[in-house]
């Protein structure tokens, strides 16, 4: 891929997502949504710092801002990492069926393709944790943005999980698949309800 996907304008990235090309796809979209969700957490923090009414939580908000920046940057890297991992898998399926290396090549590429969406899920969980805290300590004027961030983070978490499960389903290495699926299921069970609760609490306030 000549140009990094994240160097495109939003219009160009959306155009490529819509095109008949293997990447970017659902994984890249999940990472982008995750980046937007945690960016809203940063927005709330940036409107909170320096305000007298929130002087008591200034250090906490500054810490959250630093952590949220790292998570957002990681999500943006994952847009490209997901594409870079999927392209070899797409090519592997094009290998002739009578080629003795085809099955192992697909297996190896499928395992590699699980890494980026799993990491997206981990970043989504961190984003939800940050939004929970920001909802308690950030400016009350921006609680709707906390709610939107939580909703987007949940969407990124669930969308990324789809991209793990679709790959683990085809793996012959069931031990690898079971470990990946167990991690996914634990994150979904823990953080989907937390994202919902975060959004609901922000809206209620």
N, C-alpha and C. Protein backbone atom coordinates (compact mmCIF):
# COMPACT_ATOMS: atom_id res chain seq x y z
N UNK A 1 0.85 -1.17 0.00
CA UNK A 1 0.00 0.00 0.00
C UNK A 1 0.90 1.23 0.00
N UNK A 2 0.78 2.06 -1.05
CA UNK A 2 1.70 3.17 -1.23
C UNK A 2 1.53 4.24 -0.17
N UNK A 3 0.30 4.60 0.13
CA UNK A 3 0.02 5.68 1.07
C UNK A 3 -0.66 5.12 2.31
N UNK A 4 -0.21 5.55 3.48
CA UNK A 4 -0.87 5.12 4.70
C UNK A 4 -2.33 5.56 4.67
N UNK A 5 -3.21 4.66 5.06
CA UNK A 5 -4.64 4.97 5.04
C UNK A 5 -4.96 6.19 5.88
N UNK A 6 -4.26 6.33 7.01
CA UNK A 6 -4.57 7.43 7.92
C UNK A 6 -4.01 8.76 7.44
N UNK A 7 -3.28 8.75 6.32
CA UNK A 7 -2.83 10.01 5.72
C UNK A 7 -3.86 10.56 4.75
N UNK A 8 -4.90 9.77 4.46
CA UNK A 8 -5.97 10.23 3.58
C UNK A 8 -6.86 11.24 4.29
N UNK A 9 -7.57 12.03 3.49
CA UNK A 9 -8.63 12.84 4.05
C UNK A 9 -9.78 11.91 4.46
N UNK A 10 -10.69 12.41 5.28
CA UNK A 10 -11.86 11.62 5.66
C UNK A 10 -12.63 11.19 4.41
N UNK A 11 -12.78 12.11 3.47
CA UNK A 11 -13.52 11.79 2.24
C UNK A 11 -12.87 10.64 1.49
N UNK A 12 -11.54 10.70 1.35
CA UNK A 12 -10.81 9.68 0.61
C UNK A 12 -10.87 8.34 1.34
N UNK A 13 -10.74 8.37 2.65
CA UNK A 13 -10.78 7.13 3.42
C UNK A 13 -12.16 6.48 3.31
N UNK A 14 -13.21 7.29 3.38
CA UNK A 14 -14.56 6.76 3.24
C UNK A 14 -14.77 6.20 1.83
N UNK A 15 -14.19 6.87 0.84
CA UNK A 15 -14.29 6.40 -0.55
C UNK A 15 -13.61 5.05 -0.71
N UNK A 16 -12.43 4.89 -0.11
CA UNK A 16 -11.72 3.61 -0.21
C UNK A 16 -12.45 2.52 0.56
N UNK A 17 -13.06 2.89 1.68
CA UNK A 17 -13.83 1.92 2.45
C UNK A 17 -15.03 1.40 1.64
N UNK A 18 -15.60 2.27 0.84
CA UNK A 18 -16.76 1.91 0.03
C UNK A 18 -16.40 1.14 -1.25
N UNK A 19 -15.13 1.19 -1.65
CA UNK A 19 -14.71 0.63 -2.93
C UNK A 19 -14.62 -0.90 -2.90
N UNK A 20 -14.57 -1.47 -4.08
CA UNK A 20 -14.42 -2.93 -4.23
C UNK A 20 -12.95 -3.31 -4.14
N UNK A 21 -12.40 -3.14 -2.95
CA UNK A 21 -11.01 -3.49 -2.65
C UNK A 21 -11.02 -4.16 -1.27
N UNK A 22 -10.06 -5.07 -1.01
CA UNK A 22 -10.10 -5.82 0.25
C UNK A 22 -9.83 -4.99 1.49
N UNK A 23 -9.03 -3.93 1.36
CA UNK A 23 -8.75 -3.07 2.51
C UNK A 23 -8.82 -1.61 2.08
N UNK A 24 -9.27 -0.74 2.98
CA UNK A 24 -9.71 -1.00 4.35
C UNK A 24 -11.07 -1.69 4.37
N UNK A 25 -11.36 -2.34 5.48
CA UNK A 25 -12.64 -3.02 5.64
C UNK A 25 -13.17 -2.79 7.04
N UNK A 26 -13.88 -3.80 7.55
CA UNK A 26 -14.51 -3.66 8.85
C UNK A 26 -13.53 -3.42 9.98
N UNK A 27 -12.36 -4.04 9.90
CA UNK A 27 -11.36 -3.85 10.96
C UNK A 27 -10.86 -2.42 11.01
N UNK A 28 -10.53 -1.87 9.85
CA UNK A 28 -10.07 -0.48 9.80
C UNK A 28 -11.15 0.48 10.27
N UNK A 29 -12.39 0.19 9.89
CA UNK A 29 -13.50 1.03 10.33
C UNK A 29 -13.65 0.98 11.84
N UNK A 30 -13.49 -0.21 12.43
CA UNK A 30 -13.59 -0.36 13.88
C UNK A 30 -12.52 0.48 14.58
N UNK A 31 -11.30 0.44 14.06
CA UNK A 31 -10.21 1.20 14.66
C UNK A 31 -10.47 2.70 14.56
N UNK A 32 -10.99 3.13 13.44
CA UNK A 32 -11.28 4.56 13.26
C UNK A 32 -12.37 5.02 14.22
N UNK A 33 -13.41 4.20 14.37
CA UNK A 33 -14.48 4.53 15.32
C UNK A 33 -13.93 4.59 16.74
N UNK A 34 -13.03 3.67 17.08
CA UNK A 34 -12.41 3.69 18.40
C UNK A 34 -11.63 4.96 18.63
N UNK A 35 -10.90 5.40 17.60
CA UNK A 35 -10.13 6.64 17.72
C UNK A 35 -11.04 7.83 17.95
N UNK A 36 -12.19 7.85 17.28
CA UNK A 36 -13.14 8.95 17.46
C UNK A 36 -13.75 8.93 18.86
N UNK A 37 -14.03 7.73 19.36
CA UNK A 37 -14.61 7.62 20.70
C UNK A 37 -13.69 8.17 21.77
N UNK A 38 -12.42 7.78 21.71
CA UNK A 38 -11.48 8.24 22.75
C UNK A 38 -11.09 9.70 22.51
N UNK A 39 -11.19 10.17 21.26
CA UNK A 39 -10.93 11.59 20.98
C UNK A 39 -11.96 12.47 21.70
N UNK A 40 -13.19 11.99 21.81
CA UNK A 40 -14.21 12.74 22.53
C UNK A 40 -13.87 12.83 24.02
N UNK A 41 -13.25 11.78 24.55
CA UNK A 41 -12.78 11.82 25.93
C UNK A 41 -11.76 12.95 26.09
N UNK A 42 -10.85 13.05 25.13
CA UNK A 42 -9.84 14.12 25.16
C UNK A 42 -10.49 15.49 25.04
N UNK A 43 -11.49 15.59 24.19
CA UNK A 43 -12.19 16.87 24.02
C UNK A 43 -12.74 17.37 25.35
N UNK A 44 -13.40 16.45 26.08
CA UNK A 44 -13.96 16.82 27.38
C UNK A 44 -12.84 17.27 28.32
N UNK A 45 -11.75 16.53 28.33
CA UNK A 45 -10.62 16.88 29.18
C UNK A 45 -10.04 18.24 28.84
N UNK A 46 -9.91 18.52 27.56
CA UNK A 46 -9.33 19.79 27.14
C UNK A 46 -10.21 20.98 27.49
N UNK A 47 -11.51 20.76 27.58
CA UNK A 47 -12.42 21.82 28.02
C UNK A 47 -12.48 21.94 29.55
N UNK A 48 -11.90 20.96 30.24
CA UNK A 48 -11.95 20.94 31.71
C UNK A 48 -10.71 21.56 32.34
N UNK A 49 -9.54 21.28 31.75
CA UNK A 49 -8.29 21.77 32.34
C UNK A 49 -8.27 23.30 32.37
N UNK A 50 -7.70 23.79 33.45
CA UNK A 50 -7.58 25.24 33.60
C UNK A 50 -8.80 25.92 34.19
N UNK A 51 -9.89 25.17 34.41
CA UNK A 51 -11.10 25.76 34.99
C UNK A 51 -11.03 25.70 36.52
N UNK A 52 -11.32 26.82 37.15
CA UNK A 52 -11.26 26.89 38.61
C UNK A 52 -12.17 25.85 39.28
N UNK A 53 -13.33 25.64 38.68
CA UNK A 53 -14.29 24.72 39.28
C UNK A 53 -13.77 23.28 39.32
N UNK A 54 -12.76 22.98 38.49
CA UNK A 54 -12.24 21.62 38.40
C UNK A 54 -10.77 21.54 38.82
N UNK A 55 -10.32 22.55 39.58
CA UNK A 55 -8.92 22.58 40.00
C UNK A 55 -8.55 21.35 40.83
N UNK A 56 -9.51 20.84 41.58
CA UNK A 56 -9.24 19.68 42.43
C UNK A 56 -8.96 18.40 41.67
N UNK A 57 -9.37 18.35 40.40
CA UNK A 57 -9.15 17.13 39.59
C UNK A 57 -8.21 17.41 38.41
N UNK A 58 -7.56 18.55 38.45
CA UNK A 58 -6.69 18.96 37.33
C UNK A 58 -5.65 17.88 37.00
N UNK A 59 -4.97 17.36 38.02
CA UNK A 59 -3.93 16.36 37.77
C UNK A 59 -4.52 15.09 37.16
N UNK A 60 -5.68 14.69 37.64
CA UNK A 60 -6.34 13.50 37.10
C UNK A 60 -6.71 13.71 35.63
N UNK A 61 -7.23 14.87 35.33
CA UNK A 61 -7.64 15.15 33.94
C UNK A 61 -6.42 15.20 33.03
N UNK A 62 -5.34 15.80 33.50
CA UNK A 62 -4.11 15.83 32.69
C UNK A 62 -3.60 14.41 32.42
N UNK A 63 -3.67 13.56 33.44
CA UNK A 63 -3.26 12.16 33.25
C UNK A 63 -4.15 11.48 32.23
N UNK A 64 -5.46 11.68 32.34
CA UNK A 64 -6.39 11.07 31.39
C UNK A 64 -6.13 11.55 29.97
N UNK A 65 -5.83 12.83 29.84
CA UNK A 65 -5.53 13.37 28.51
C UNK A 65 -4.30 12.69 27.89
N UNK A 66 -3.27 12.49 28.70
CA UNK A 66 -2.06 11.82 28.19
C UNK A 66 -2.36 10.38 27.79
N UNK A 67 -3.13 9.68 28.61
CA UNK A 67 -3.48 8.29 28.31
C UNK A 67 -4.38 8.21 27.08
N UNK A 68 -5.34 9.12 26.98
CA UNK A 68 -6.26 9.10 25.85
C UNK A 68 -5.54 9.37 24.54
N UNK A 69 -4.54 10.25 24.59
CA UNK A 69 -3.76 10.53 23.38
C UNK A 69 -3.04 9.28 22.90
N UNK A 70 -2.47 8.53 23.82
CA UNK A 70 -1.77 7.28 23.46
C UNK A 70 -2.75 6.27 22.86
N UNK A 71 -3.93 6.16 23.45
CA UNK A 71 -4.93 5.21 22.94
C UNK A 71 -5.39 5.62 21.55
N UNK A 72 -5.63 6.92 21.36
CA UNK A 72 -6.07 7.39 20.05
C UNK A 72 -5.01 7.13 18.99
N UNK A 73 -3.76 7.42 19.31
CA UNK A 73 -2.68 7.18 18.36
C UNK A 73 -2.54 5.69 18.04
N UNK A 74 -2.75 4.85 19.04
CA UNK A 74 -2.67 3.40 18.82
C UNK A 74 -3.77 2.95 17.89
N UNK A 75 -4.99 3.48 18.10
CA UNK A 75 -6.09 3.15 17.21
C UNK A 75 -5.76 3.53 15.76
N UNK A 76 -5.19 4.70 15.57
CA UNK A 76 -4.88 5.15 14.21
C UNK A 76 -3.82 4.25 13.57
N UNK A 77 -2.85 3.81 14.36
CA UNK A 77 -1.86 2.85 13.84
C UNK A 77 -2.54 1.55 13.43
N UNK A 78 -3.56 1.15 14.20
CA UNK A 78 -4.23 -0.12 13.95
C UNK A 78 -5.06 -0.11 12.67
N UNK A 79 -5.47 1.06 12.21
CA UNK A 79 -6.15 1.15 10.91
C UNK A 79 -5.24 0.55 9.85
N UNK A 80 -3.96 0.96 9.87
CA UNK A 80 -3.00 0.48 8.89
C UNK A 80 -2.56 -0.94 9.17
N UNK A 81 -2.36 -1.27 10.44
CA UNK A 81 -1.91 -2.62 10.80
C UNK A 81 -2.93 -3.66 10.38
N UNK A 82 -4.21 -3.34 10.53
CA UNK A 82 -5.24 -4.27 10.12
C UNK A 82 -5.20 -4.50 8.61
N UNK A 83 -5.02 -3.43 7.86
CA UNK A 83 -4.93 -3.55 6.40
C UNK A 83 -3.70 -4.35 5.99
N UNK A 84 -2.57 -4.07 6.66
CA UNK A 84 -1.33 -4.76 6.32
C UNK A 84 -1.42 -6.26 6.60
N UNK A 85 -2.20 -6.64 7.62
CA UNK A 85 -2.35 -8.06 7.96
C UNK A 85 -3.36 -8.75 7.06
N UNK A 86 -4.37 -8.02 6.59
CA UNK A 86 -5.41 -8.66 5.80
C UNK A 86 -4.99 -8.90 4.36
N UNK A 87 -4.19 -8.03 3.82
CA UNK A 87 -3.79 -8.19 2.42
C UNK A 87 -3.10 -9.53 2.14
N UNK A 88 -2.15 -9.99 2.99
CA UNK A 88 -1.55 -11.31 2.76
C UNK A 88 -2.58 -12.44 2.85
N UNK A 89 -3.56 -12.30 3.74
CA UNK A 89 -4.61 -13.32 3.85
C UNK A 89 -5.44 -13.36 2.59
N UNK A 90 -5.76 -12.21 2.06
CA UNK A 90 -6.52 -12.13 0.81
C UNK A 90 -5.76 -12.80 -0.33
N UNK A 91 -4.45 -12.58 -0.36
CA UNK A 91 -3.62 -13.21 -1.40
C UNK A 91 -3.51 -14.72 -1.18
N UNK A 92 -3.49 -15.14 0.08
CA UNK A 92 -3.35 -16.57 0.39
C UNK A 92 -4.53 -17.36 -0.16
N UNK A 93 -5.72 -16.79 -0.07
CA UNK A 93 -6.90 -17.49 -0.58
C UNK A 93 -6.88 -17.60 -2.11
N UNK A 94 -6.05 -16.77 -2.75
CA UNK A 94 -5.94 -16.83 -4.21
C UNK A 94 -4.94 -17.89 -4.69
N UNK A 95 -4.20 -18.50 -3.75
CA UNK A 95 -3.25 -19.55 -4.11
C UNK A 95 -4.02 -20.75 -4.67
N UNK A 96 -3.45 -21.37 -5.68
CA UNK A 96 -4.10 -22.53 -6.30
C UNK A 96 -4.40 -23.62 -5.27
N UNK A 97 -5.56 -24.22 -5.37
CA UNK A 97 -6.00 -25.20 -4.37
C UNK A 97 -5.12 -26.45 -4.34
N UNK A 98 -4.43 -26.74 -5.45
CA UNK A 98 -3.57 -27.92 -5.47
C UNK A 98 -2.15 -27.63 -4.98
N UNK A 99 -1.90 -26.38 -4.56
CA UNK A 99 -0.58 -26.02 -4.03
C UNK A 99 -0.49 -26.56 -2.59
N UNK A 100 0.51 -27.41 -2.30
CA UNK A 100 0.61 -28.02 -0.96
C UNK A 100 0.86 -27.01 0.16
N UNK A 101 1.32 -25.81 -0.18
CA UNK A 101 1.58 -24.78 0.84
C UNK A 101 0.36 -23.91 1.14
N UNK A 102 -0.71 -24.09 0.37
CA UNK A 102 -1.87 -23.19 0.50
C UNK A 102 -2.48 -23.22 1.90
N UNK A 103 -2.76 -24.41 2.41
CA UNK A 103 -3.46 -24.52 3.70
C UNK A 103 -2.66 -23.89 4.83
N UNK A 104 -1.35 -24.15 4.88
CA UNK A 104 -0.53 -23.60 5.96
C UNK A 104 -0.38 -22.10 5.82
N UNK A 105 -0.29 -21.63 4.58
CA UNK A 105 -0.18 -20.18 4.35
C UNK A 105 -1.43 -19.47 4.83
N UNK A 106 -2.60 -20.04 4.52
CA UNK A 106 -3.86 -19.45 4.98
C UNK A 106 -3.93 -19.48 6.50
N UNK A 107 -3.53 -20.58 7.11
CA UNK A 107 -3.55 -20.70 8.57
C UNK A 107 -2.67 -19.62 9.22
N UNK A 108 -1.45 -19.47 8.71
CA UNK A 108 -0.51 -18.50 9.28
C UNK A 108 -1.03 -17.07 9.11
N UNK A 109 -1.56 -16.78 7.92
CA UNK A 109 -2.06 -15.43 7.65
C UNK A 109 -3.32 -15.13 8.47
N UNK A 110 -4.13 -16.15 8.70
CA UNK A 110 -5.35 -15.97 9.50
C UNK A 110 -4.99 -15.65 10.95
N UNK A 111 -4.01 -16.36 11.48
CA UNK A 111 -3.56 -16.06 12.85
C UNK A 111 -3.04 -14.63 12.94
N UNK A 112 -2.26 -14.23 11.96
CA UNK A 112 -1.71 -12.87 11.95
C UNK A 112 -2.81 -11.83 11.88
N UNK A 113 -3.88 -12.16 11.15
CA UNK A 113 -4.99 -11.22 10.99
C UNK A 113 -5.80 -11.02 12.26
N UNK A 114 -5.63 -11.90 13.24
CA UNK A 114 -6.34 -11.75 14.52
C UNK A 114 -5.71 -10.68 15.41
N UNK A 115 -4.44 -10.38 15.19
CA UNK A 115 -3.71 -9.53 16.13
C UNK A 115 -4.26 -8.11 16.21
N UNK A 116 -4.49 -7.49 15.07
CA UNK A 116 -4.95 -6.09 15.08
C UNK A 116 -6.32 -5.93 15.72
N UNK A 117 -7.33 -6.72 15.34
CA UNK A 117 -8.63 -6.54 15.99
C UNK A 117 -8.63 -6.86 17.48
N UNK A 118 -7.80 -7.81 17.91
CA UNK A 118 -7.68 -8.08 19.35
C UNK A 118 -7.12 -6.85 20.07
N UNK A 119 -6.13 -6.22 19.45
CA UNK A 119 -5.56 -5.02 20.06
C UNK A 119 -6.57 -3.88 20.05
N UNK A 120 -7.39 -3.79 19.01
CA UNK A 120 -8.46 -2.78 18.98
C UNK A 120 -9.41 -2.97 20.15
N UNK A 121 -9.72 -4.21 20.46
CA UNK A 121 -10.60 -4.49 21.59
C UNK A 121 -9.96 -4.04 22.91
N UNK A 122 -8.67 -4.32 23.06
CA UNK A 122 -7.98 -3.90 24.29
C UNK A 122 -7.98 -2.38 24.42
N UNK A 123 -7.74 -1.69 23.29
CA UNK A 123 -7.76 -0.23 23.32
C UNK A 123 -9.16 0.31 23.60
N UNK A 124 -10.17 -0.37 23.09
CA UNK A 124 -11.55 0.04 23.36
C UNK A 124 -11.86 -0.05 24.85
N UNK A 125 -11.37 -1.10 25.49
CA UNK A 125 -11.57 -1.26 26.93
C UNK A 125 -10.90 -0.12 27.69
N UNK A 126 -9.69 0.25 27.27
CA UNK A 126 -9.01 1.37 27.92
C UNK A 126 -9.78 2.67 27.71
N UNK A 127 -10.30 2.84 26.50
CA UNK A 127 -11.08 4.05 26.20
C UNK A 127 -12.31 4.13 27.10
N UNK A 128 -12.98 3.01 27.29
CA UNK A 128 -14.18 2.99 28.13
C UNK A 128 -13.82 3.33 29.57
N UNK A 129 -12.71 2.80 30.06
CA UNK A 129 -12.26 3.13 31.42
C UNK A 129 -12.00 4.63 31.56
N UNK A 130 -11.35 5.21 30.56
CA UNK A 130 -11.06 6.64 30.60
C UNK A 130 -12.35 7.47 30.55
N UNK A 131 -13.28 7.06 29.73
CA UNK A 131 -14.55 7.78 29.62
C UNK A 131 -15.36 7.70 30.91
N UNK A 132 -15.29 6.55 31.57
CA UNK A 132 -15.96 6.42 32.87
C UNK A 132 -15.44 7.47 33.85
N UNK A 133 -14.11 7.58 33.92
CA UNK A 133 -13.52 8.53 34.85
C UNK A 133 -13.78 9.97 34.42
N UNK A 134 -13.68 10.22 33.11
CA UNK A 134 -13.93 11.57 32.61
C UNK A 134 -15.37 11.98 32.85
N UNK A 135 -16.27 11.03 32.80
CA UNK A 135 -17.67 11.32 33.07
C UNK A 135 -17.91 11.78 34.49
N UNK A 136 -17.04 11.34 35.40
CA UNK A 136 -17.14 11.72 36.80
C UNK A 136 -16.41 13.02 37.11
N UNK A 137 -15.31 13.27 36.39
CA UNK A 137 -14.43 14.39 36.75
C UNK A 137 -14.39 15.51 35.73
N UNK A 138 -14.82 15.24 34.51
CA UNK A 138 -14.75 16.26 33.46
C UNK A 138 -15.88 17.27 33.55
N UNK A 139 -15.80 18.27 32.69
CA UNK A 139 -16.80 19.33 32.66
C UNK A 139 -18.20 18.78 32.42
N UNK A 140 -19.12 19.20 33.28
CA UNK A 140 -20.51 18.75 33.15
C UNK A 140 -21.16 19.29 31.88
N UNK A 141 -20.56 20.34 31.31
CA UNK A 141 -21.11 20.92 30.09
C UNK A 141 -20.92 20.00 28.88
N UNK A 142 -20.05 19.01 29.03
CA UNK A 142 -19.73 18.14 27.90
C UNK A 142 -20.08 16.68 28.16
N UNK A 143 -21.04 16.45 29.05
CA UNK A 143 -21.41 15.07 29.36
C UNK A 143 -22.00 14.34 28.16
N UNK A 144 -22.63 15.08 27.25
CA UNK A 144 -23.15 14.42 26.05
C UNK A 144 -22.03 13.84 25.21
N UNK A 145 -20.86 14.49 25.25
CA UNK A 145 -19.70 13.98 24.50
C UNK A 145 -19.12 12.73 25.15
N UNK A 146 -19.19 12.68 26.48
CA UNK A 146 -18.79 11.45 27.18
C UNK A 146 -19.71 10.31 26.75
N UNK A 147 -21.01 10.57 26.71
CA UNK A 147 -21.97 9.54 26.30
C UNK A 147 -21.70 9.08 24.87
N UNK A 148 -21.46 10.02 23.97
CA UNK A 148 -21.16 9.65 22.58
C UNK A 148 -19.87 8.85 22.49
N UNK A 149 -18.87 9.25 23.27
CA UNK A 149 -17.60 8.52 23.27
C UNK A 149 -17.77 7.09 23.75
N UNK A 150 -18.60 6.91 24.78
CA UNK A 150 -18.83 5.56 25.29
C UNK A 150 -19.56 4.69 24.27
N UNK A 151 -20.53 5.29 23.59
CA UNK A 151 -21.28 4.55 22.56
C UNK A 151 -20.37 4.15 21.41
N UNK A 152 -19.52 5.07 20.98
CA UNK A 152 -18.58 4.76 19.91
C UNK A 152 -17.56 3.71 20.34
N UNK A 153 -17.12 3.80 21.58
CA UNK A 153 -16.14 2.82 22.08
C UNK A 153 -16.74 1.43 22.16
N UNK A 154 -18.00 1.35 22.56
CA UNK A 154 -18.67 0.05 22.56
C UNK A 154 -18.77 -0.49 21.13
N UNK A 155 -19.11 0.39 20.19
CA UNK A 155 -19.22 -0.04 18.79
C UNK A 155 -17.89 -0.57 18.28
N UNK A 156 -16.81 0.13 18.61
CA UNK A 156 -15.48 -0.32 18.18
C UNK A 156 -15.14 -1.67 18.79
N UNK A 157 -15.47 -1.84 20.06
CA UNK A 157 -15.21 -3.10 20.75
C UNK A 157 -15.93 -4.26 20.08
N UNK A 158 -17.22 -4.07 19.81
CA UNK A 158 -18.02 -5.15 19.22
C UNK A 158 -17.63 -5.40 17.76
N UNK A 159 -17.37 -4.32 17.01
CA UNK A 159 -16.99 -4.50 15.60
C UNK A 159 -15.66 -5.22 15.49
N UNK A 160 -14.72 -4.86 16.36
CA UNK A 160 -13.42 -5.55 16.33
C UNK A 160 -13.57 -7.02 16.67
N UNK A 161 -14.47 -7.33 17.60
CA UNK A 161 -14.66 -8.73 17.99
C UNK A 161 -15.14 -9.58 16.81
N UNK A 162 -15.98 -9.00 15.97
CA UNK A 162 -16.47 -9.71 14.79
C UNK A 162 -15.29 -10.13 13.92
N UNK A 163 -14.30 -9.24 13.81
CA UNK A 163 -13.14 -9.51 12.97
C UNK A 163 -12.20 -10.54 13.58
N UNK A 164 -12.28 -10.73 14.88
CA UNK A 164 -11.54 -11.84 15.50
C UNK A 164 -12.28 -13.15 15.26
N UNK A 165 -13.57 -13.16 15.59
CA UNK A 165 -14.35 -14.39 15.50
C UNK A 165 -14.42 -14.95 14.08
N UNK A 166 -14.49 -14.09 13.08
CA UNK A 166 -14.57 -14.57 11.70
C UNK A 166 -13.28 -15.29 11.30
N UNK A 167 -12.17 -14.89 11.92
CA UNK A 167 -10.89 -15.54 11.63
C UNK A 167 -10.70 -16.81 12.45
N UNK A 168 -11.02 -16.75 13.75
CA UNK A 168 -10.80 -17.94 14.59
C UNK A 168 -11.69 -19.10 14.16
N UNK A 169 -12.83 -18.80 13.56
CA UNK A 169 -13.76 -19.85 13.14
C UNK A 169 -13.12 -20.82 12.14
N UNK A 170 -12.21 -20.31 11.32
CA UNK A 170 -11.63 -21.14 10.26
C UNK A 170 -10.30 -21.80 10.64
N UNK A 171 -9.77 -21.46 11.82
CA UNK A 171 -8.45 -21.97 12.18
C UNK A 171 -8.47 -23.45 12.53
N UNK A 172 -7.43 -24.14 12.11
CA UNK A 172 -7.25 -25.54 12.50
C UNK A 172 -6.62 -25.63 13.89
N UNK A 173 -5.84 -24.63 14.25
CA UNK A 173 -5.22 -24.58 15.58
C UNK A 173 -6.28 -24.13 16.58
N UNK A 174 -7.02 -25.07 17.14
CA UNK A 174 -8.14 -24.73 18.02
C UNK A 174 -7.69 -24.20 19.36
N UNK A 175 -6.47 -24.53 19.77
CA UNK A 175 -5.96 -23.98 21.03
C UNK A 175 -5.76 -22.47 20.90
N UNK A 176 -5.16 -22.05 19.79
CA UNK A 176 -4.97 -20.62 19.50
C UNK A 176 -6.32 -19.93 19.40
N UNK A 177 -7.24 -20.56 18.66
CA UNK A 177 -8.57 -19.98 18.47
C UNK A 177 -9.31 -19.83 19.78
N UNK A 178 -9.25 -20.85 20.62
CA UNK A 178 -9.96 -20.81 21.90
C UNK A 178 -9.42 -19.72 22.81
N UNK A 179 -8.11 -19.53 22.80
CA UNK A 179 -7.50 -18.49 23.64
C UNK A 179 -7.94 -17.10 23.18
N UNK A 180 -7.93 -16.89 21.86
CA UNK A 180 -8.35 -15.59 21.32
C UNK A 180 -9.83 -15.33 21.60
N UNK A 181 -10.65 -16.36 21.42
CA UNK A 181 -12.09 -16.21 21.64
C UNK A 181 -12.41 -15.96 23.12
N UNK A 182 -11.66 -16.62 23.99
CA UNK A 182 -11.88 -16.43 25.43
C UNK A 182 -11.55 -14.99 25.83
N UNK A 183 -10.46 -14.45 25.29
CA UNK A 183 -10.11 -13.06 25.59
C UNK A 183 -11.18 -12.11 25.07
N UNK A 184 -11.67 -12.37 23.86
CA UNK A 184 -12.74 -11.54 23.29
C UNK A 184 -13.99 -11.58 24.16
N UNK A 185 -14.39 -12.77 24.52
CA UNK A 185 -15.63 -12.93 25.29
C UNK A 185 -15.54 -12.26 26.65
N UNK A 186 -14.36 -12.32 27.27
CA UNK A 186 -14.19 -11.67 28.57
C UNK A 186 -14.30 -10.15 28.43
N UNK A 187 -13.66 -9.60 27.40
CA UNK A 187 -13.73 -8.15 27.20
C UNK A 187 -15.16 -7.71 26.88
N UNK A 188 -15.85 -8.47 26.05
CA UNK A 188 -17.23 -8.11 25.71
C UNK A 188 -18.13 -8.18 26.95
N UNK A 189 -17.99 -9.23 27.72
CA UNK A 189 -18.84 -9.42 28.90
C UNK A 189 -18.61 -8.33 29.93
N UNK A 190 -17.38 -7.86 30.04
CA UNK A 190 -17.05 -6.86 31.05
C UNK A 190 -17.34 -5.43 30.57
N UNK A 191 -16.94 -5.12 29.34
CA UNK A 191 -16.92 -3.72 28.94
C UNK A 191 -18.12 -3.25 28.12
N UNK A 192 -18.88 -4.14 27.52
CA UNK A 192 -20.12 -3.69 26.88
C UNK A 192 -21.08 -3.11 27.93
N UNK A 193 -21.33 -3.82 29.05
CA UNK A 193 -22.18 -3.23 30.10
C UNK A 193 -21.61 -1.95 30.69
N UNK A 194 -20.29 -1.88 30.83
CA UNK A 194 -19.67 -0.68 31.39
C UNK A 194 -19.82 0.51 30.45
N UNK A 195 -19.69 0.27 29.15
CA UNK A 195 -19.89 1.36 28.18
C UNK A 195 -21.33 1.84 28.22
N UNK A 196 -22.26 0.91 28.28
CA UNK A 196 -23.68 1.27 28.35
C UNK A 196 -23.97 2.08 29.61
N UNK A 197 -23.42 1.64 30.74
CA UNK A 197 -23.64 2.33 32.00
C UNK A 197 -23.01 3.72 31.98
N UNK A 198 -21.84 3.84 31.37
CA UNK A 198 -21.16 5.14 31.27
C UNK A 198 -22.01 6.11 30.46
N UNK A 199 -22.51 5.65 29.32
CA UNK A 199 -23.34 6.51 28.46
C UNK A 199 -24.63 6.89 29.18
N UNK A 200 -25.25 5.94 29.85
CA UNK A 200 -26.51 6.20 30.55
C UNK A 200 -26.32 7.18 31.70
N UNK A 201 -25.22 7.02 32.44
CA UNK A 201 -24.95 7.91 33.57
C UNK A 201 -24.69 9.33 33.08
N UNK A 202 -23.96 9.46 31.99
CA UNK A 202 -23.67 10.80 31.44
C UNK A 202 -24.97 11.47 30.98
N UNK A 203 -25.81 10.70 30.30
CA UNK A 203 -27.08 11.27 29.83
C UNK A 203 -28.00 11.63 30.99
N UNK A 204 -27.99 10.82 32.03
CA UNK A 204 -28.86 11.08 33.18
C UNK A 204 -28.45 12.37 33.90
N UNK A 205 -27.15 12.66 33.91
CA UNK A 205 -26.66 13.85 34.60
C UNK A 205 -26.90 15.10 33.77
